[in-house]
């Protein structure tokens, strides 16, 4: 007699948690979303082109009273021409950062996003990475293009500057500054889930809050308010774009002055606190 034995194939149960999208796939999805929106495309074009125009205008109007600027004075002038547009670009970046997430909350698409990526922090992290990379690249293209374009114009007006390490660091700092502001607006957008509310809050924090602090300081003559003013996001990021060979940071007459690195740390702290708050709220609240 021969016995025929059939081996049963082991049964496998596929759990939902085992079927996970790769983070690279989530990144690609968010990149497709970002570049498919006309509003963000136009915003990035403004982010690139407007600072170039401002820098060219300033370099063309440079007046050295017939003297020739060389050395640190010339390099400082070149940095100012190249980063002057950042004061306006920061407004554009704040709008982009808010729109990246509040647009989905407004249309309800965020529910589909969270359904496809159940771990919400992963979906939001992908949005943040795409936002940070795109803002950094776009602002870097703008700042460096402005430097290369304005350098011969400034040279013709008596500002003999060249691109070296001392100039490169503030140019890099401008891109870092704008990227961090974009991430701050992104986090505020997650918290408020409103485009208008997020933009108003970020711009109020950056533009209105320093004015209010300065007014109160003027009336009260409280020196500690000078420190508060310096650690606000807008002012904390300014040293990142400043040319200088001497470190002037530290306490001066009871007021804390920030350097490039300390300004970066303070601005990064703003972003970290806002982001952690946003992730906690996104996990607890309904989409």
C-alpha atoms as a PDB file:
ATOM      1  CA  UNK A   1       0.000   0.000   0.000  1.00  0.00           C
ATOM      2  CA  UNK A   2       1.204   3.446  -0.703  1.00  0.00           C
ATOM      3  CA  UNK A   3       0.052   6.329   1.292  1.00  0.00           C
ATOM      4  CA  UNK A   4      -0.202   9.673  -0.369  1.00  0.00           C
ATOM      5  CA  UNK A   5       0.555  12.462   1.993  1.00  0.00           C
ATOM      6  CA  UNK A   6      -0.366  15.996   1.086  1.00  0.00           C
ATOM      7  CA  UNK A   7       1.360  18.762   2.947  1.00  0.00           C
ATOM      8  CA  UNK A   8      -0.904  21.581   3.782  1.00  0.00           C
ATOM      9  CA  UNK A   9       0.399  24.992   2.877  1.00  0.00           C
ATOM     10  CA  UNK A  10       0.686  27.141   5.955  1.00  0.00           C
ATOM     11  CA  UNK A  11      -1.960  29.750   6.220  1.00  0.00           C
ATOM     12  CA  UNK A  12      -0.823  33.302   6.450  1.00  0.00           C
ATOM     13  CA  UNK A  13      -2.850  36.139   7.715  1.00  0.00           C
ATOM     14  CA  UNK A  14      -2.024  39.551   6.345  1.00  0.00           C
ATOM     15  CA  UNK A  15      -2.618  42.270   8.838  1.00  0.00           C
ATOM     16  CA  UNK A  16      -3.244  45.821   7.821  1.00  0.00           C
ATOM     17  CA  UNK A  17      -0.194  46.978   9.764  1.00  0.00           C
ATOM     18  CA  UNK A  18       2.031  44.719   7.623  1.00  0.00           C
ATOM     19  CA  UNK A  19       1.014  46.451   4.430  1.00  0.00           C
ATOM     20  CA  UNK A  20       2.832  49.702   4.627  1.00  0.00           C
ATOM     21  CA  UNK A  21       3.793  52.251   2.100  1.00  0.00           C
ATOM     22  CA  UNK A  22       7.448  52.965   1.862  1.00  0.00           C
ATOM     23  CA  UNK A  23       8.386  56.441   2.990  1.00  0.00           C
ATOM     24  CA  UNK A  24       9.914  57.065  -0.435  1.00  0.00           C
ATOM     25  CA  UNK A  25       6.502  56.381  -1.953  1.00  0.00           C
ATOM     26  CA  UNK A  26       4.854  58.830   0.411  1.00  0.00           C
ATOM     27  CA  UNK A  27       7.508  61.412  -0.480  1.00  0.00           C
ATOM     28  CA  UNK A  28       6.851  60.911  -4.185  1.00  0.00           C
ATOM     29  CA  UNK A  29       3.120  61.306  -3.625  1.00  0.00           C
ATOM     30  CA  UNK A  30       3.612  64.567  -1.747  1.00  0.00           C
ATOM     31  CA  UNK A  31       5.980  65.849  -4.433  1.00  0.00           C
ATOM     32  CA  UNK A  32       3.334  65.151  -7.081  1.00  0.00           C
ATOM     33  CA  UNK A  33       0.760  67.020  -5.016  1.00  0.00           C
ATOM     34  CA  UNK A  34       3.052  70.000  -4.557  1.00  0.00           C
ATOM     35  CA  UNK A  35       3.986  70.467  -8.205  1.00  0.00           C
ATOM     36  CA  UNK A  36       0.439  69.887  -9.427  1.00  0.00           C
ATOM     37  CA  UNK A  37      -0.889  73.007  -7.689  1.00  0.00           C
ATOM     38  CA  UNK A  38      -0.731  76.202  -9.727  1.00  0.00           C
ATOM     39  CA  UNK A  39      -0.722  78.365  -6.622  1.00  0.00           C
ATOM     40  CA  UNK A  40       2.483  76.794  -5.331  1.00  0.00           C
ATOM     41  CA  UNK A  41       4.159  76.910  -8.749  1.00  0.00           C
ATOM     42  CA  UNK A  42       3.503  80.638  -9.020  1.00  0.00           C
ATOM     43  CA  UNK A  43       4.637  81.139  -5.437  1.00  0.00           C
ATOM     44  CA  UNK A  44       7.940  79.405  -6.149  1.00  0.00           C
ATOM     45  CA  UNK A  45       8.449  81.508  -9.273  1.00  0.00           C
ATOM     46  CA  UNK A  46       7.943  84.644  -7.180  1.00  0.00           C
ATOM     47  CA  UNK A  47      10.325  83.222  -4.575  1.00  0.00           C
ATOM     48  CA  UNK A  48      13.028  82.834  -7.232  1.00  0.00           C
ATOM     49  CA  UNK A  49      12.543  85.873  -9.458  1.00  0.00           C
ATOM     50  CA  UNK A  50      11.511  88.672  -7.091  1.00  0.00           C
ATOM     51  CA  UNK A  51      14.717  88.651  -4.973  1.00  0.00           C
ATOM     52  CA  UNK A  52      16.811  88.722  -8.146  1.00  0.00           C
ATOM     53  CA  UNK A  53      15.015  91.847  -9.282  1.00  0.00           C
ATOM     54  CA  UNK A  54      15.439  93.507  -5.881  1.00  0.00           C
ATOM     55  CA  UNK A  55      19.147  92.670  -5.756  1.00  0.00           C
ATOM     56  CA  UNK A  56      19.775  93.955  -9.270  1.00  0.00           C
ATOM     57  CA  UNK A  57      17.939  97.182  -8.464  1.00  0.00           C
ATOM     58  CA  UNK A  58      19.988  97.786  -5.311  1.00  0.00           C
ATOM     59  CA  UNK A  59      23.279  97.008  -7.046  1.00  0.00           C
ATOM     60  CA  UNK A  60      22.364  99.343  -9.900  1.00  0.00           C
ATOM     61  CA  UNK A  61      21.646 102.163  -7.447  1.00  0.00           C
ATOM     62  CA  UNK A  62      24.839 101.618  -5.455  1.00  0.00           C
ATOM     63  CA  UNK A  63      26.511 104.940  -4.674  1.00  0.00           C
ATOM     64  CA  UNK A  64      30.016 104.943  -3.204  1.00  0.00           C
ATOM     65  CA  UNK A  65      30.592 108.693  -3.660  1.00  0.00           C
ATOM     66  CA  UNK A  66      33.288 108.063  -6.234  1.00  0.00           C
ATOM     67  CA  UNK A  67      35.203 105.740  -3.941  1.00  0.00           C
ATOM     68  CA  UNK A  68      35.984 102.088  -4.567  1.00  0.00           C
ATOM     69  CA  UNK A  69      34.857  99.593  -1.952  1.00  0.00           C
ATOM     70  CA  UNK A  70      37.140  96.615  -1.440  1.00  0.00           C
ATOM     71  CA  UNK A  71      37.731  93.951   1.175  1.00  0.00           C
ATOM     72  CA  UNK A  72      35.114  93.347   3.869  1.00  0.00           C
ATOM     73  CA  UNK A  73      33.147  96.472   2.958  1.00  0.00           C
ATOM     74  CA  UNK A  74      32.674  95.247  -0.609  1.00  0.00           C
ATOM     75  CA  UNK A  75      31.822  91.709   0.467  1.00  0.00           C
ATOM     76  CA  UNK A  76      29.306  93.039   2.981  1.00  0.00           C
ATOM     77  CA  UNK A  77      27.669  95.087   0.228  1.00  0.00           C
ATOM     78  CA  UNK A  78      27.451  92.024  -2.030  1.00  0.00           C
ATOM     79  CA  UNK A  79      25.814  90.033   0.755  1.00  0.00           C
ATOM     80  CA  UNK A  80      23.262  92.789   1.282  1.00  0.00           C
ATOM     81  CA  UNK A  81      22.413  92.884  -2.428  1.00  0.00           C
ATOM     82  CA  UNK A  82      22.088  89.106  -2.580  1.00  0.00           C
ATOM     83  CA  UNK A  83      19.970  88.637   0.559  1.00  0.00           C
ATOM     84  CA  UNK A  84      17.884  91.817   0.496  1.00  0.00           C
ATOM     85  CA  UNK A  85      15.049  89.978  -1.228  1.00  0.00           C
ATOM     86  CA  UNK A  86      14.757  87.564   1.694  1.00  0.00           C
ATOM     87  CA  UNK A  87      12.800  90.162   3.670  1.00  0.00           C
ATOM     88  CA  UNK A  88      10.013  89.810   1.092  1.00  0.00           C
ATOM     89  CA  UNK A  89      10.644  86.168   0.256  1.00  0.00           C
ATOM     90  CA  UNK A  90       9.894  85.279   3.854  1.00  0.00           C
ATOM     91  CA  UNK A  91       6.288  86.333   3.275  1.00  0.00           C
ATOM     92  CA  UNK A  92       6.059  84.113   0.199  1.00  0.00           C
ATOM     93  CA  UNK A  93       7.594  81.182   2.068  1.00  0.00           C
ATOM     94  CA  UNK A  94       5.121  81.590   4.937  1.00  0.00           C
ATOM     95  CA  UNK A  95       2.246  81.383   2.463  1.00  0.00           C
ATOM     96  CA  UNK A  96       3.723  78.293   0.772  1.00  0.00           C
ATOM     97  CA  UNK A  97       4.308  76.562   4.101  1.00  0.00           C
ATOM     98  CA  UNK A  98       0.733  77.146   5.211  1.00  0.00           C
ATOM     99  CA  UNK A  99      -0.850  76.197   1.876  1.00  0.00           C
ATOM    100  CA  UNK A 100       0.979  72.867   1.666  1.00  0.00           C
ATOM    101  CA  UNK A 101      -1.141  71.453   4.470  1.00  0.00           C
ATOM    102  CA  UNK A 102      -4.138  73.762   4.967  1.00  0.00           C
ATOM    103  CA  UNK A 103      -5.185  73.307   1.348  1.00  0.00           C
ATOM    104  CA  UNK A 104      -5.854  69.631   2.042  1.00  0.00           C
ATOM    105  CA  UNK A 105      -7.671  70.402   5.261  1.00  0.00           C
ATOM    106  CA  UNK A 106      -9.850  72.897   3.407  1.00  0.00           C
ATOM    107  CA  UNK A 107     -10.835  70.480   0.619  1.00  0.00           C
ATOM    108  CA  UNK A 108     -11.078  67.413   2.847  1.00  0.00           C
ATOM    109  CA  UNK A 109      -8.334  65.630   0.914  1.00  0.00           C
ATOM    110  CA  UNK A 110      -6.432  65.209   4.162  1.00  0.00           C
ATOM    111  CA  UNK A 111      -8.826  62.365   5.038  1.00  0.00           C
ATOM    112  CA  UNK A 112      -7.735  60.462   1.942  1.00  0.00           C
ATOM    113  CA  UNK A 113      -4.106  61.166   2.781  1.00  0.00           C
ATOM    114  CA  UNK A 114      -4.464  59.798   6.306  1.00  0.00           C
ATOM    115  CA  UNK A 115      -6.465  56.818   5.015  1.00  0.00           C
ATOM    116  CA  UNK A 116      -3.646  55.936   2.606  1.00  0.00           C
ATOM    117  CA  UNK A 117      -0.990  56.568   5.259  1.00  0.00           C
ATOM    118  CA  UNK A 118      -2.540  55.544   8.598  1.00  0.00           C
ATOM    119  CA  UNK A 119       0.446  56.750  10.580  1.00  0.00           C
ATOM    120  CA  UNK A 120      -0.335  60.435  10.353  1.00  0.00           C
ATOM    121  CA  UNK A 121       3.071  61.599  11.508  1.00  0.00           C
ATOM    122  CA  UNK A 122       4.590  59.824   8.503  1.00  0.00           C
ATOM    123  CA  UNK A 123       2.336  61.615   6.026  1.00  0.00           C
ATOM    124  CA  UNK A 124       2.996  64.970   7.667  1.00  0.00           C
ATOM    125  CA  UNK A 125       6.730  64.277   7.852  1.00  0.00           C
ATOM    126  CA  UNK A 126       6.757  63.581   4.100  1.00  0.00           C
ATOM    127  CA  UNK A 127       4.995  66.884   3.471  1.00  0.00           C
ATOM    128  CA  UNK A 128       7.533  68.669   5.640  1.00  0.00           C
ATOM    129  CA  UNK A 129      10.520  67.073   3.903  1.00  0.00           C
ATOM    130  CA  UNK A 130       9.201  67.960   0.445  1.00  0.00           C
ATOM    131  CA  UNK A 131       8.448  71.504   1.586  1.00  0.00           C
ATOM    132  CA  UNK A 132      11.873  71.984   3.190  1.00  0.00           C
ATOM    133  CA  UNK A 133      13.778  70.574   0.206  1.00  0.00           C
ATOM    134  CA  UNK A 134      11.844  72.594  -2.373  1.00  0.00           C
ATOM    135  CA  UNK A 135      12.076  75.869  -0.424  1.00  0.00           C
ATOM    136  CA  UNK A 136      15.788  75.389   0.237  1.00  0.00           C
ATOM    137  CA  UNK A 137      16.577  74.654  -3.416  1.00  0.00           C
ATOM    138  CA  UNK A 138      14.396  77.462  -4.781  1.00  0.00           C
ATOM    139  CA  UNK A 139      15.774  80.038  -2.352  1.00  0.00           C
ATOM    140  CA  UNK A 140      19.358  78.872  -2.954  1.00  0.00           C
ATOM    141  CA  UNK A 141      18.901  79.257  -6.708  1.00  0.00           C
ATOM    142  CA  UNK A 142      17.481  82.737  -6.141  1.00  0.00           C
ATOM    143  CA  UNK A 143      20.179  83.916  -3.711  1.00  0.00           C
ATOM    144  CA  UNK A 144      23.136  82.578  -5.681  1.00  0.00           C
ATOM    145  CA  UNK A 145      21.737  83.771  -9.000  1.00  0.00           C
ATOM    146  CA  UNK A 146      21.321  87.214  -7.445  1.00  0.00           C
ATOM    147  CA  UNK A 147      24.942  87.164  -6.253  1.00  0.00           C
ATOM    148  CA  UNK A 148      26.344  86.193  -9.649  1.00  0.00           C
ATOM    149  CA  UNK A 149      24.153  88.700 -11.506  1.00  0.00           C
ATOM    150  CA  UNK A 150      24.719  91.637  -9.161  1.00  0.00           C
ATOM    151  CA  UNK A 151      28.469  91.119  -8.757  1.00  0.00           C
ATOM    152  CA  UNK A 152      29.465  92.652 -12.142  1.00  0.00           C
ATOM    153  CA  UNK A 153      26.835  95.384 -11.739  1.00  0.00           C
ATOM    154  CA  UNK A 154      28.201  96.296  -8.312  1.00  0.00           C
ATOM    155  CA  UNK A 155      31.750  96.134  -9.645  1.00  0.00           C
ATOM    156  CA  UNK A 156      30.865  98.679 -12.305  1.00  0.00           C
ATOM    157  CA  UNK A 157      29.584 100.965  -9.528  1.00  0.00           C
ATOM    158  CA  UNK A 158      32.767 100.749  -7.492  1.00  0.00           C
ATOM    159  CA  UNK A 159      32.006  97.725  -5.307  1.00  0.00           C
ATOM    160  CA  UNK A 160      34.789  95.250  -6.018  1.00  0.00           C
ATOM    161  CA  UNK A 161      33.558  92.091  -4.286  1.00  0.00           C
ATOM    162  CA  UNK A 162      34.124  88.417  -4.959  1.00  0.00           C
ATOM    163  CA  UNK A 163      32.464  85.229  -3.816  1.00  0.00           C
ATOM    164  CA  UNK A 164      34.479  83.598  -1.067  1.00  0.00           C
ATOM    165  CA  UNK A 165      33.788  81.696   2.133  1.00  0.00           C
ATOM    166  CA  UNK A 166      32.855  84.826   4.051  1.00  0.00           C
ATOM    167  CA  UNK A 167      30.205  85.657   1.458  1.00  0.00           C
ATOM    168  CA  UNK A 168      29.034  82.084   0.912  1.00  0.00           C
ATOM    169  CA  UNK A 169      28.007  81.516   4.535  1.00  0.00           C
ATOM    170  CA  UNK A 170      25.425  84.343   4.677  1.00  0.00           C
ATOM    171  CA  UNK A 171      24.065  83.243   1.297  1.00  0.00           C
ATOM    172  CA  UNK A 172      23.645  79.713   2.643  1.00  0.00           C
ATOM    173  CA  UNK A 173      22.165  81.167   5.815  1.00  0.00           C
ATOM    174  CA  UNK A 174      19.480  82.957   3.815  1.00  0.00           C
ATOM    175  CA  UNK A 175      18.252  79.643   2.390  1.00  0.00           C
ATOM    176  CA  UNK A 176      18.340  78.012   5.826  1.00  0.00           C
ATOM    177  CA  UNK A 177      16.404  80.941   7.290  1.00  0.00           C
ATOM    178  CA  UNK A 178      13.680  80.800   4.645  1.00  0.00           C
ATOM    179  CA  UNK A 179      13.419  77.012   4.955  1.00  0.00           C
ATOM    180  CA  UNK A 180      12.910  77.196   8.719  1.00  0.00           C
ATOM    181  CA  UNK A 181      10.253  79.898   8.337  1.00  0.00           C
ATOM    182  CA  UNK A 182       8.461  77.690   5.809  1.00  0.00           C
ATOM    183  CA  UNK A 183       8.488  74.782   8.273  1.00  0.00           C
ATOM    184  CA  UNK A 184       7.215  77.052  11.046  1.00  0.00           C
ATOM    185  CA  UNK A 185       4.280  78.126   8.870  1.00  0.00           C
ATOM    186  CA  UNK A 186       3.699  74.476   7.971  1.00  0.00           C
ATOM    187  CA  UNK A 187       3.457  73.499  11.653  1.00  0.00           C
ATOM    188  CA  UNK A 188       1.120  76.395  12.414  1.00  0.00           C
ATOM    189  CA  UNK A 189      -1.024  75.297   9.473  1.00  0.00           C
ATOM    190  CA  UNK A 190      -1.389  71.825  10.981  1.00  0.00           C
ATOM    191  CA  UNK A 191      -2.331  73.323  14.337  1.00  0.00           C
ATOM    192  CA  UNK A 192      -4.940  75.768  13.016  1.00  0.00           C
ATOM    193  CA  UNK A 193      -6.080  73.821   9.903  1.00  0.00           C
ATOM    194  CA  UNK A 194      -6.999  77.128   8.277  1.00  0.00           C
ATOM    195  CA  UNK A 195      -5.120  78.841   5.462  1.00  0.00           C
ATOM    196  CA  UNK A 196      -6.141  82.352   6.467  1.00  0.00           C
ATOM    197  CA  UNK A 197      -5.574  81.673  10.160  1.00  0.00           C
ATOM    198  CA  UNK A 198      -2.148  80.109   9.622  1.00  0.00           C
ATOM    199  CA  UNK A 199      -0.906  82.866   7.328  1.00  0.00           C
ATOM    200  CA  UNK A 200      -2.257  85.598   9.610  1.00  0.00           C
ATOM    201  CA  UNK A 201      -0.697  83.975  12.684  1.00  0.00           C
ATOM    202  CA  UNK A 202       2.749  83.488  11.145  1.00  0.00           C
ATOM    203  CA  UNK A 203       2.896  86.933   9.582  1.00  0.00           C
ATOM    204  CA  UNK A 204       1.612  88.435  12.828  1.00  0.00           C
ATOM    205  CA  UNK A 205       4.341  86.653  14.766  1.00  0.00           C
ATOM    206  CA  UNK A 206       6.993  87.806  12.328  1.00  0.00           C
ATOM    207  CA  UNK A 207       5.879  91.326  11.437  1.00  0.00           C
ATOM    208  CA  UNK A 208       3.464  92.592  14.081  1.00  0.00           C
ATOM    209  CA  UNK A 209       4.914  91.063  17.248  1.00  0.00           C
ATOM    210  CA  UNK A 210       8.335  92.797  16.905  1.00  0.00           C
ATOM    211  CA  UNK A 211       6.626  96.167  16.468  1.00  0.00           C
ATOM    212  CA  UNK A 212       4.439  95.640  19.536  1.00  0.00           C
ATOM    213  CA  UNK A 213       7.407  94.540  21.641  1.00  0.00           C
ATOM    214  CA  UNK A 214       9.403  97.585  20.555  1.00  0.00           C
ATOM    215  CA  UNK A 215       6.494  99.923  21.348  1.00  0.00           C
ATOM    216  CA  UNK A 216       6.040  98.434  24.804  1.00  0.00           C
ATOM    217  CA  UNK A 217       9.780  98.619  25.401  1.00  0.00           C
ATOM    218  CA  UNK A 218       9.765 102.271  24.379  1.00  0.00           C
ATOM    219  CA  UNK A 219       7.048 103.079  26.927  1.00  0.00           C
ATOM    220  CA  UNK A 220       8.356 100.920  29.769  1.00  0.00           C
ATOM    221  CA  UNK A 221      12.099 101.061  29.078  1.00  0.00           C
ATOM    222  CA  UNK A 222      12.286  97.388  30.097  1.00  0.00           C
ATOM    223  CA  UNK A 223      15.591  96.003  28.815  1.00  0.00           C
ATOM    224  CA  UNK A 224      14.448  92.391  28.954  1.00  0.00           C
ATOM    225  CA  UNK A 225      11.984  93.142  26.172  1.00  0.00           C
ATOM    226  CA  UNK A 226      14.988  93.723  23.921  1.00  0.00           C
ATOM    227  CA  UNK A 227      15.900  90.071  24.431  1.00  0.00           C
ATOM    228  CA  UNK A 228      12.320  89.026  23.708  1.00  0.00           C
ATOM    229  CA  UNK A 229      12.430  91.023  20.482  1.00  0.00           C
ATOM    230  CA  UNK A 230      15.700  89.410  19.410  1.00  0.00           C
ATOM    231  CA  UNK A 231      14.457  85.858  19.907  1.00  0.00           C
ATOM    232  CA  UNK A 232      11.299  86.314  17.839  1.00  0.00           C
ATOM    233  CA  UNK A 233      11.495  84.232  14.619  1.00  0.00           C
ATOM    234  CA  UNK A 234      12.023  87.131  12.213  1.00  0.00           C
ATOM    235  CA  UNK A 235      14.828  88.708  14.234  1.00  0.00           C
ATOM    236  CA  UNK A 236      16.412  85.427  15.308  1.00  0.00           C
ATOM    237  CA  UNK A 237      16.907  84.470  11.672  1.00  0.00           C
ATOM    238  CA  UNK A 238      18.437  87.769  10.569  1.00  0.00           C
ATOM    239  CA  UNK A 239      21.992  86.988  11.844  1.00  0.00           C
ATOM    240  CA  UNK A 240      22.064  83.979   9.517  1.00  0.00           C
ATOM    241  CA  UNK A 241      22.221  86.392   6.582  1.00  0.00           C
ATOM    242  CA  UNK A 242      24.685  88.898   8.009  1.00  0.00           C
ATOM    243  CA  UNK A 243      28.280  89.208   6.886  1.00  0.00           C
ATOM    244  CA  UNK A 244      30.765  89.682   9.668  1.00  0.00           C
ATOM    245  CA  UNK A 245      34.225  88.675  10.746  1.00  0.00           C
ATOM    246  CA  UNK A 246      33.658  89.396  14.450  1.00  0.00           C
ATOM    247  CA  UNK A 247      31.311  87.632  16.844  1.00  0.00           C
ATOM    248  CA  UNK A 248      29.178  90.267  18.560  1.00  0.00           C
ATOM    249  CA  UNK A 249      26.766  87.841  20.203  1.00  0.00           C
ATOM    250  CA  UNK A 250      26.194  87.719  23.940  1.00  0.00           C
ATOM    251  CA  UNK A 251      24.734  90.011  26.570  1.00  0.00           C
ATOM    252  CA  UNK A 252      25.105  93.733  25.959  1.00  0.00           C
ATOM    253  CA  UNK A 253      23.543  96.155  28.466  1.00  0.00           C
ATOM    254  CA  UNK A 254      21.170  93.436  29.621  1.00  0.00           C
ATOM    255  CA  UNK A 255      20.041  92.487  26.098  1.00  0.00           C
ATOM    256  CA  UNK A 256      20.914  89.181  24.434  1.00  0.00           C
ATOM    257  CA  UNK A 257      22.349  89.582  20.929  1.00  0.00           C
ATOM    258  CA  UNK A 258      22.371  86.535  18.664  1.00  0.00           C
ATOM    259  CA  UNK A 259      25.011  85.360  16.219  1.00  0.00           C
ATOM    260  CA  UNK A 260      24.427  83.218  13.161  1.00  0.00           C
ATOM    261  CA  UNK A 261      24.674  79.937  15.051  1.00  0.00           C
ATOM    262  CA  UNK A 262      22.720  81.038  18.117  1.00  0.00           C
ATOM    263  CA  UNK A 263      20.092  82.622  15.860  1.00  0.00           C
ATOM    264  CA  UNK A 264      19.817  79.332  14.003  1.00  0.00           C
ATOM    265  CA  UNK A 265      19.375  77.479  17.312  1.00  0.00           C
ATOM    266  CA  UNK A 266      16.617  79.824  18.468  1.00  0.00           C
ATOM    267  CA  UNK A 267      14.737  79.684  15.167  1.00  0.00           C
ATOM    268  CA  UNK A 268      15.116  75.903  15.031  1.00  0.00           C
ATOM    269  CA  UNK A 269      13.693  75.729  18.564  1.00  0.00           C
ATOM    270  CA  UNK A 270      10.603  77.630  17.380  1.00  0.00           C
ATOM    271  CA  UNK A 271      10.168  75.105  14.573  1.00  0.00           C
ATOM    272  CA  UNK A 272      10.685  72.074  16.833  1.00  0.00           C
ATOM    273  CA  UNK A 273       8.188  73.241  19.469  1.00  0.00           C
ATOM    274  CA  UNK A 274       5.566  74.126  16.842  1.00  0.00           C
ATOM    275  CA  UNK A 275       6.113  70.840  14.990  1.00  0.00           C
ATOM    276  CA  UNK A 276       5.826  68.655  18.094  1.00  0.00           C
ATOM    277  CA  UNK A 277       2.625  70.469  19.072  1.00  0.00           C
ATOM    278  CA  UNK A 278       1.253  70.011  15.560  1.00  0.00           C
ATOM    279  CA  UNK A 279       2.011  66.270  15.475  1.00  0.00           C
ATOM    280  CA  UNK A 280       0.371  65.672  18.855  1.00  0.00           C
ATOM    281  CA  UNK A 281      -2.772  67.552  17.813  1.00  0.00           C
ATOM    282  CA  UNK A 282      -2.896  65.854  14.413  1.00  0.00           C
ATOM    283  CA  UNK A 283      -2.812  62.454  16.104  1.00  0.00           C
ATOM    284  CA  UNK A 284      -5.501  63.261  18.651  1.00  0.00           C
ATOM    285  CA  UNK A 285      -7.974  65.202  16.540  1.00  0.00           C
ATOM    286  CA  UNK A 286     -10.279  63.903  13.832  1.00  0.00           C
ATOM    287  CA  UNK A 287      -9.199  64.640  10.276  1.00  0.00           C
END
